């Protein structure tokens, strides 16, 4: 009999954290799962680590290939999965021991829900807990459609996604055009297609903050792709054709200098605010102070709104 849950784990150059991630999966207190793991052309020791673990545990189904990209690997692994449910995570993050059991139990008691995520602890490169990651909204199945009807966007943790395999396949899976914001595009597309997405109000993952993560290495590129995703989501809702990333950026680059300057100001304000938060959680108070000050100078209203949301939480 096939396992009820398939854990989906794409890997690319994560030798520093991969063993910890695998240990967290194999330590789940719900044992009826398979772990599908694919090394996406890593140039470090990730493949060797995978082979070592696969030789020790029959639940691991490992594969290896040239670099195809995050979205393509996840889509391929889900297509190979045997479980009714798929649990996704990133190769630098950690599952808490009860993650699979708690999310599966949620879906078994809420059969109307197609997909869920969860809250996380932020951890640093050494695994020390820094703070909590809690996305707002998506508390019940109606939150997503209501937000989209208001022209808003939904977001949750991709590393905590737990969903019916058939829904992932029927919804079209991840779209590599939107990397590294393909998760953001997928959550909103999922809701727009009529599927239900919620956030289980429990901390079930540990999300690692480290310098080699794509969102840390290329934050401005990430902001551009988020804008690109939003543009195409808006186009779909309005019944207009989608645009390519190049054409989207060409329109942006043709805008007046003051529009581009204002967008850059806002993006840097977000960047400094994010870095200030990481510094505060890491105990680097002097860095926290000056980064927060720069964010306040660049976008004071943005800072006040951020602080207000944090205070409400």
Protein backbone atom coordinates (compact mmCIF):
# COMPACT_ATOMS: atom_id res chain seq x y z
CA UNK A 1 0.00 0.00 0.00
CA UNK A 2 1.44 3.41 -0.93
CA UNK A 3 2.16 5.90 1.85
CA UNK A 4 -0.45 8.53 2.61
CA UNK A 5 2.02 11.44 2.50
CA UNK A 6 4.83 12.26 0.05
CA UNK A 7 7.45 14.72 1.27
CA UNK A 8 8.82 16.77 -1.64
CA UNK A 9 12.39 18.05 -1.29
CA UNK A 10 14.30 19.78 -4.13
CA UNK A 11 18.00 20.29 -3.43
CA UNK A 12 20.57 22.60 -4.94
CA UNK A 13 23.90 23.30 -3.21
CA UNK A 14 22.75 22.89 0.39
CA UNK A 15 25.57 20.81 1.85
CA UNK A 16 25.72 22.98 4.98
CA UNK A 17 22.14 22.32 6.04
CA UNK A 18 20.87 19.28 4.13
CA UNK A 19 21.71 16.64 6.75
CA UNK A 20 19.81 18.62 9.39
CA UNK A 21 16.84 18.93 7.05
CA UNK A 22 16.82 15.20 6.31
CA UNK A 23 17.11 14.38 10.01
CA UNK A 24 14.07 16.55 10.72
CA UNK A 25 12.03 14.69 8.09
CA UNK A 26 13.06 11.24 9.28
CA UNK A 27 12.29 12.24 12.89
CA UNK A 28 8.59 12.87 12.16
CA UNK A 29 6.26 11.26 14.69
CA UNK A 30 3.96 10.32 11.78
CA UNK A 31 5.81 7.50 9.99
CA UNK A 32 3.58 6.74 6.96
CA UNK A 33 5.42 8.86 4.40
CA UNK A 34 7.86 8.66 1.55
CA UNK A 35 10.58 11.25 0.94
CA UNK A 36 11.14 12.18 -2.69
CA UNK A 37 14.39 14.09 -3.01
CA UNK A 38 16.09 15.32 -6.17
CA UNK A 39 19.54 16.83 -6.47
CA UNK A 40 19.27 19.54 -9.12
CA UNK A 41 22.83 19.51 -10.42
CA UNK A 42 24.53 20.60 -7.19
CA UNK A 43 28.22 21.45 -7.41
CA UNK A 44 28.88 20.81 -3.71
CA UNK A 45 28.50 17.63 -1.62
CA UNK A 46 24.68 17.61 -1.58
CA UNK A 47 24.41 14.54 -3.83
CA UNK A 48 26.81 12.57 -1.63
CA UNK A 49 24.76 13.44 1.46
CA UNK A 50 21.58 12.29 -0.28
CA UNK A 51 23.16 8.97 -1.29
CA UNK A 52 24.31 8.36 2.27
CA UNK A 53 20.83 8.92 3.70
CA UNK A 54 19.05 7.01 0.92
CA UNK A 55 21.17 3.94 1.69
CA UNK A 56 19.98 4.05 5.31
CA UNK A 57 16.22 4.56 4.97
CA UNK A 58 13.93 2.81 2.49
CA UNK A 59 11.39 5.65 2.66
CA UNK A 60 13.78 7.86 0.67
CA UNK A 61 13.40 7.87 -3.12
CA UNK A 62 16.35 9.82 -4.48
CA UNK A 63 17.08 11.07 -7.98
CA UNK A 64 19.80 13.19 -9.56
CA UNK A 65 20.04 15.28 -12.71
CA UNK A 66 21.38 18.42 -14.37
CA UNK A 67 20.15 21.77 -13.14
CA UNK A 68 16.53 22.29 -14.20
CA UNK A 69 15.38 24.85 -11.65
CA UNK A 70 13.28 24.90 -8.50
CA UNK A 71 9.84 24.82 -10.12
CA UNK A 72 10.65 22.06 -12.61
CA UNK A 73 12.07 19.81 -9.88
CA UNK A 74 9.07 20.22 -7.59
CA UNK A 75 6.67 19.53 -10.47
CA UNK A 76 8.63 16.41 -11.42
CA UNK A 77 8.74 15.09 -7.86
CA UNK A 78 5.01 15.59 -7.34
CA UNK A 79 4.37 13.70 -10.59
CA UNK A 80 6.36 10.78 -9.17
CA UNK A 81 4.71 10.89 -5.74
CA UNK A 82 2.53 8.03 -4.54
CA UNK A 83 0.89 9.73 -1.57
CA UNK A 84 -2.54 11.32 -1.56
CA UNK A 85 -0.96 14.33 0.14
CA UNK A 86 2.26 16.20 -0.61
CA UNK A 87 4.28 18.09 2.00
CA UNK A 88 6.83 20.54 0.62
CA UNK A 89 9.88 22.00 2.28
CA UNK A 90 13.15 23.66 1.32
CA UNK A 91 16.50 21.96 1.79
CA UNK A 92 17.74 24.49 4.34
CA UNK A 93 14.64 24.44 6.58
CA UNK A 94 13.56 22.07 9.34
CA UNK A 95 10.30 20.29 10.14
CA UNK A 96 9.21 20.14 13.74
CA UNK A 97 8.56 16.48 14.69
CA UNK A 98 4.77 16.87 14.65
CA UNK A 99 4.47 18.72 11.34
CA UNK A 100 3.11 15.91 9.14
CA UNK A 101 0.80 14.58 11.84
CA UNK A 102 -0.69 17.97 12.67
CA UNK A 103 -1.27 19.12 9.08
CA UNK A 104 -2.70 15.76 8.04
CA UNK A 105 -5.03 15.81 11.06
CA UNK A 106 -6.15 19.32 10.11
CA UNK A 107 -7.09 18.21 6.61
CA UNK A 108 -8.82 15.07 7.85
CA UNK A 109 -11.05 17.21 10.08
CA UNK A 110 -11.44 19.92 7.40
CA UNK A 111 -11.98 17.93 4.18
CA UNK A 112 -13.14 21.05 2.35
CA UNK A 113 -9.59 22.49 2.51
CA UNK A 114 -7.35 21.63 -0.45
CA UNK A 115 -4.05 23.09 0.76
CA UNK A 116 -2.54 24.49 3.93
CA UNK A 117 0.61 26.13 5.18
CA UNK A 118 1.71 26.84 8.74
CA UNK A 119 3.70 29.28 10.83
CA UNK A 120 7.45 28.96 11.40
CA UNK A 121 10.27 29.88 13.71
CA UNK A 122 12.99 31.98 12.14
CA UNK A 123 16.36 30.35 12.79
CA UNK A 124 19.86 31.53 11.93
CA UNK A 125 22.58 29.64 10.11
CA UNK A 126 23.49 27.85 13.36
CA UNK A 127 19.92 26.75 14.02
CA UNK A 128 19.24 29.19 16.86
CA UNK A 129 15.64 30.37 17.05
CA UNK A 130 15.35 34.10 16.47
CA UNK A 131 11.67 34.94 16.24
CA UNK A 132 8.37 33.75 14.76
CA UNK A 133 7.16 34.02 11.18
CA UNK A 134 3.40 34.50 11.07
CA UNK A 135 1.69 35.43 7.82
CA UNK A 136 -1.61 37.31 8.29
CA UNK A 137 -4.91 36.10 6.89
CA UNK A 138 -5.95 32.77 5.39
CA UNK A 139 -7.52 31.73 8.68
CA UNK A 140 -10.46 30.04 6.98
CA UNK A 141 -11.30 28.93 3.40
CA UNK A 142 -13.13 32.17 2.60
CA UNK A 143 -10.23 34.51 3.40
CA UNK A 144 -8.35 33.87 0.15
CA UNK A 145 -11.26 34.50 -2.25
CA UNK A 146 -12.29 37.61 -0.32
CA UNK A 147 -8.77 39.03 -0.50
CA UNK A 148 -8.50 38.36 -4.21
CA UNK A 149 -11.93 39.91 -4.85
CA UNK A 150 -10.62 43.09 -3.20
CA UNK A 151 -7.59 43.09 -5.49
CA UNK A 152 -5.28 41.97 -2.69
CA UNK A 153 -2.77 39.12 -2.80
CA UNK A 154 -2.36 36.09 -0.55
CA UNK A 155 0.90 34.76 0.83
CA UNK A 156 2.05 31.97 3.10
CA UNK A 157 5.16 29.85 3.69
CA UNK A 158 6.00 27.60 0.74
CA UNK A 159 8.23 25.54 2.98
CA UNK A 160 5.13 24.60 5.00
CA UNK A 161 2.82 23.78 2.07
CA UNK A 162 0.74 20.62 2.52
CA UNK A 163 -1.82 19.77 -0.15
CA UNK A 164 -3.65 17.14 -2.12
CA UNK A 165 -1.43 15.76 -4.85
CA UNK A 166 -4.28 15.81 -7.36
CA UNK A 167 -4.92 19.51 -6.65
CA UNK A 168 -1.28 20.38 -7.26
CA UNK A 169 -1.40 18.55 -10.60
CA UNK A 170 -4.80 19.91 -11.66
CA UNK A 171 -3.79 23.48 -10.81
CA UNK A 172 -0.77 23.30 -13.11
CA UNK A 173 2.00 23.23 -10.51
CA UNK A 174 4.71 25.85 -10.22
CA UNK A 175 5.59 28.16 -13.12
CA UNK A 176 9.35 28.67 -13.58
CA UNK A 177 8.79 32.03 -15.33
CA UNK A 178 8.18 33.61 -11.94
CA UNK A 179 11.26 32.34 -10.06
CA UNK A 180 12.17 33.28 -7.32
CA UNK A 181 8.58 34.38 -6.64
CA UNK A 182 6.98 31.29 -8.19
CA UNK A 183 5.50 30.37 -4.80
CA UNK A 184 3.74 33.75 -4.53
CA UNK A 185 2.30 33.35 -8.03
CA UNK A 186 1.19 29.80 -7.27
CA UNK A 187 -0.68 30.62 -4.05
CA UNK A 188 -2.70 33.33 -5.78
CA UNK A 189 -3.33 31.23 -8.88
CA UNK A 190 -4.52 28.39 -6.65
CA UNK A 191 -7.08 30.63 -4.96
CA UNK A 192 -8.12 32.20 -8.28
CA UNK A 193 -8.83 28.71 -9.65
CA UNK A 194 -11.26 28.07 -6.80
CA UNK A 195 -9.14 25.89 -4.54
CA UNK A 196 -9.09 26.48 -0.80
CA UNK A 197 -5.87 27.55 0.94
CA UNK A 198 -5.51 28.19 4.68
CA UNK A 199 -2.75 28.67 7.22
CA UNK A 200 -2.90 26.17 10.08
CA UNK A 201 -2.40 28.41 13.15
CA UNK A 202 0.50 26.41 14.54
CA UNK A 203 4.28 26.70 14.33
CA UNK A 204 5.36 23.52 12.54
CA UNK A 205 8.50 24.58 10.66
CA UNK A 206 11.83 26.32 11.22
CA UNK A 207 12.70 28.75 8.43
CA UNK A 208 16.41 29.44 8.10
CA UNK A 209 17.80 32.91 7.44
CA UNK A 210 21.27 32.79 5.92
CA UNK A 211 23.40 34.76 3.48
CA UNK A 212 23.25 32.22 0.63
CA UNK A 213 19.43 32.18 0.33
CA UNK A 214 18.20 33.70 -2.95
CA UNK A 215 16.01 36.26 -1.17
CA UNK A 216 19.06 37.41 0.81
CA UNK A 217 21.52 37.41 -2.11
CA UNK A 218 19.29 39.11 -4.68
CA UNK A 219 16.58 41.05 -2.81
CA UNK A 220 16.04 43.69 -5.51
CA UNK A 221 15.63 40.98 -8.15
CA UNK A 222 13.05 39.38 -5.86
CA UNK A 223 11.16 42.68 -5.59
CA UNK A 224 11.10 42.93 -9.40
CA UNK A 225 9.68 39.42 -9.78
CA UNK A 226 7.06 40.11 -7.11
CA UNK A 227 5.97 43.12 -9.17
CA UNK A 228 5.96 40.94 -12.27
CA UNK A 229 3.76 38.37 -10.55
CA UNK A 230 1.34 41.05 -9.36
CA UNK A 231 1.11 42.49 -12.88
CA UNK A 232 0.20 39.13 -14.38
CA UNK A 233 -2.28 38.32 -11.62
CA UNK A 234 -3.97 41.65 -12.33
CA UNK A 235 -3.93 40.94 -16.07
CA UNK A 236 -5.60 37.57 -15.54
CA UNK A 237 -8.33 39.05 -13.36
CA UNK A 238 -8.99 41.72 -16.00
CA UNK A 239 -9.00 39.17 -18.83
CA UNK A 240 -5.90 40.67 -20.45
CA UNK A 241 -2.97 38.70 -21.92
CA UNK A 242 -0.03 37.95 -19.66
CA UNK A 243 3.28 39.73 -20.22
CA UNK A 244 6.84 38.43 -20.27
CA UNK A 245 9.36 39.52 -17.67
CA UNK A 246 11.38 41.36 -20.32
CA UNK A 247 8.37 43.34 -21.51
CA UNK A 248 7.35 44.06 -17.92
CA UNK A 249 10.82 45.42 -17.13
CA UNK A 250 10.91 47.38 -20.41
CA UNK A 251 7.74 49.21 -19.36
CA UNK A 252 9.23 49.91 -15.95
CA UNK A 253 12.49 51.16 -17.41
CA UNK A 254 10.60 53.51 -19.74
CA UNK A 255 8.80 55.21 -16.85
CA UNK A 256 9.77 58.76 -15.79
CA UNK A 257 12.87 59.05 -13.64
CA UNK A 258 10.89 60.16 -10.59
CA UNK A 259 8.64 57.08 -10.78
CA UNK A 260 11.67 54.79 -10.94
CA UNK A 261 13.35 56.70 -8.13
CA UNK A 262 10.26 56.42 -5.95
CA UNK A 263 10.01 52.67 -6.53
CA UNK A 264 13.70 52.24 -5.75
CA UNK A 265 13.26 54.30 -2.58
CA UNK A 266 10.42 52.07 -1.43
CA UNK A 267 12.30 48.85 -2.28
CA UNK A 268 15.37 49.95 -0.35
CA UNK A 269 13.16 50.95 2.58
CA UNK A 270 11.77 47.40 2.63
CA UNK A 271 15.27 45.97 2.36
CA UNK A 272 16.65 48.02 5.24
CA UNK A 273 13.59 47.21 7.37
CA UNK A 274 14.02 43.49 6.72
CA UNK A 275 17.72 43.65 7.54
CA UNK A 276 16.96 45.62 10.69
CA UNK A 277 14.62 42.87 11.83
CA UNK A 278 17.26 40.20 11.23
CA UNK A 279 19.84 42.26 13.13
CA UNK A 280 17.46 42.73 16.07
CA UNK A 281 16.70 39.00 16.23
CA UNK A 282 20.43 38.26 16.04
CA UNK A 283 21.32 40.66 18.86
CA UNK A 284 23.19 43.15 16.63
CA UNK A 285 21.49 46.17 18.14
CA UNK A 286 23.76 48.86 16.70
CA UNK A 287 23.18 47.52 13.17
CA UNK A 288 19.47 47.27 13.92
CA UNK A 289 19.41 50.94 14.92
CA UNK A 290 21.03 52.40 11.84
CA UNK A 291 19.20 50.13 9.39
CA UNK A 292 15.86 51.02 10.96
CA UNK A 293 16.80 54.70 10.79
CA UNK A 294 17.61 54.46 7.08
CA UNK A 295 14.29 52.69 6.45
CA UNK A 296 12.47 55.46 8.33
CA UNK A 297 14.16 58.18 6.27
CA UNK A 298 13.38 56.43 2.98
CA UNK A 299 9.73 55.58 3.71
CA UNK A 300 8.39 56.78 7.08
CA UNK A 301 4.78 55.79 6.34
CA UNK A 302 5.85 52.31 5.26
CA UNK A 303 7.77 51.92 8.52
CA UNK A 304 4.81 53.04 10.64
CA UNK A 305 2.47 50.60 8.89
CA UNK A 306 4.95 47.76 9.38
CA UNK A 307 5.33 48.54 13.08
CA UNK A 308 1.55 48.76 13.45
CA UNK A 309 1.09 45.29 11.90
CA UNK A 310 3.76 43.84 14.18
CA UNK A 311 2.12 45.43 17.22
CA UNK A 312 -1.27 43.95 16.26
CA UNK A 313 0.29 40.47 16.08
